[in-house]
Amino acid sequence: MALARRFRTLLVVAAVVLAAGGGLVAYKMRLPQPQSVFAAGQPAPDFTLNDQDGHPFHLAAQRGNGVLLIFYRGYW
């Protein structure tokens, strides 16, 4: 009877230690909040990139037009 109680207590203590350790690891692995230098509603900074055909795309040339920019990594 006493052995069963000790074993149960040991299991509870081990579960609490594991849960606390897992919580600490999860807390340390949080991703940092992204730091943005862009403000909502402000014009995007000018840049030049190649489009899908290899031609240069200048954002400044599109001023006054609606532009939707989608950046993706390409080959997954």
Protein backbone atom coordinates (compact mmCIF):
# COMPACT_ATOMS: atom_id res chain seq x y z
CA MET A 1 0.00 0.00 0.00
CA ALA A 2 2.74 2.44 0.96
CA LEU A 3 4.77 1.40 -2.07
CA ALA A 4 1.82 2.12 -4.39
CA ARG A 5 1.37 5.55 -2.81
CA ARG A 6 5.08 6.36 -3.25
CA PHE A 7 4.96 5.20 -6.86
CA ARG A 8 1.88 7.34 -7.54
CA THR A 9 3.53 10.36 -5.91
CA LEU A 10 6.66 9.79 -7.97
CA LEU A 11 4.56 9.62 -11.14
CA VAL A 12 2.78 12.87 -10.30
CA VAL A 13 6.06 14.64 -9.54
CA ALA A 14 7.61 13.32 -12.76
CA ALA A 15 4.58 14.49 -14.77
CA VAL A 16 4.76 17.98 -13.22
CA VAL A 17 8.51 18.24 -13.88
CA LEU A 18 8.05 17.08 -17.49
CA ALA A 19 5.19 19.53 -18.05
CA ALA A 20 7.20 22.40 -16.58
CA GLY A 21 10.24 21.47 -18.66
CA GLY A 22 8.13 21.24 -21.81
CA GLY A 23 6.59 24.61 -21.08
CA LEU A 24 10.03 26.16 -20.59
CA VAL A 25 11.30 24.69 -23.85
CA ALA A 26 8.20 25.91 -25.71
CA TYR A 27 8.65 29.39 -24.19
CA LYS A 28 12.30 29.55 -25.27
CA MET A 29 11.44 28.36 -28.80
CA ARG A 30 8.95 31.17 -29.46
CA LEU A 31 9.58 32.97 -32.70
CA PRO A 32 10.46 36.64 -32.29
CA GLN A 33 7.92 39.18 -33.42
CA PRO A 34 8.83 40.46 -36.86
CA GLN A 35 10.22 43.96 -36.88
CA SER A 36 8.78 45.97 -39.74
CA VAL A 37 10.12 49.28 -40.99
CA PHE A 38 7.02 49.67 -43.14
CA ALA A 39 3.96 51.54 -41.95
CA ALA A 40 0.48 50.61 -43.08
CA GLY A 41 -0.90 53.03 -45.65
CA GLN A 42 2.51 54.39 -46.61
CA PRO A 43 4.03 54.00 -50.09
CA ALA A 44 6.28 51.01 -50.57
CA PRO A 45 9.98 51.78 -51.01
CA ASP A 46 11.27 51.69 -54.57
CA PHE A 47 12.95 48.51 -55.79
CA THR A 48 13.91 46.76 -58.99
CA LEU A 49 13.52 43.01 -59.53
CA ASN A 50 13.38 40.75 -62.54
CA ASP A 51 9.95 39.52 -63.54
CA GLN A 52 9.10 35.98 -64.63
CA ASP A 53 10.50 36.68 -68.11
CA GLY A 54 13.77 38.13 -66.82
CA HIS A 55 12.87 41.75 -67.59
CA PRO A 56 13.53 44.35 -64.87
CA PHE A 57 10.48 45.55 -62.98
CA HIS A 58 10.79 49.03 -61.43
CA LEU A 59 8.22 49.85 -58.79
CA ALA A 60 8.75 53.58 -59.32
CA ALA A 61 7.53 53.19 -62.92
CA GLN A 62 4.17 52.00 -61.57
CA ARG A 63 3.41 55.10 -59.44
CA GLY A 64 -0.22 56.11 -59.85
CA ASN A 65 -1.31 52.61 -60.85
CA GLY A 66 -2.66 49.91 -58.57
CA VAL A 67 -0.01 47.29 -57.92
CA LEU A 68 -0.40 43.96 -56.13
CA LEU A 69 2.93 42.47 -55.12
CA ILE A 70 3.14 38.79 -54.25
CA PHE A 71 6.50 37.38 -53.21
CA TYR A 72 6.97 33.65 -53.09
CA ARG A 73 9.95 31.44 -52.86
CA GLY A 74 9.39 29.61 -56.13
CA TYR A 75 10.44 25.98 -56.23
CA TRP A 76 9.17 24.29 -53.08
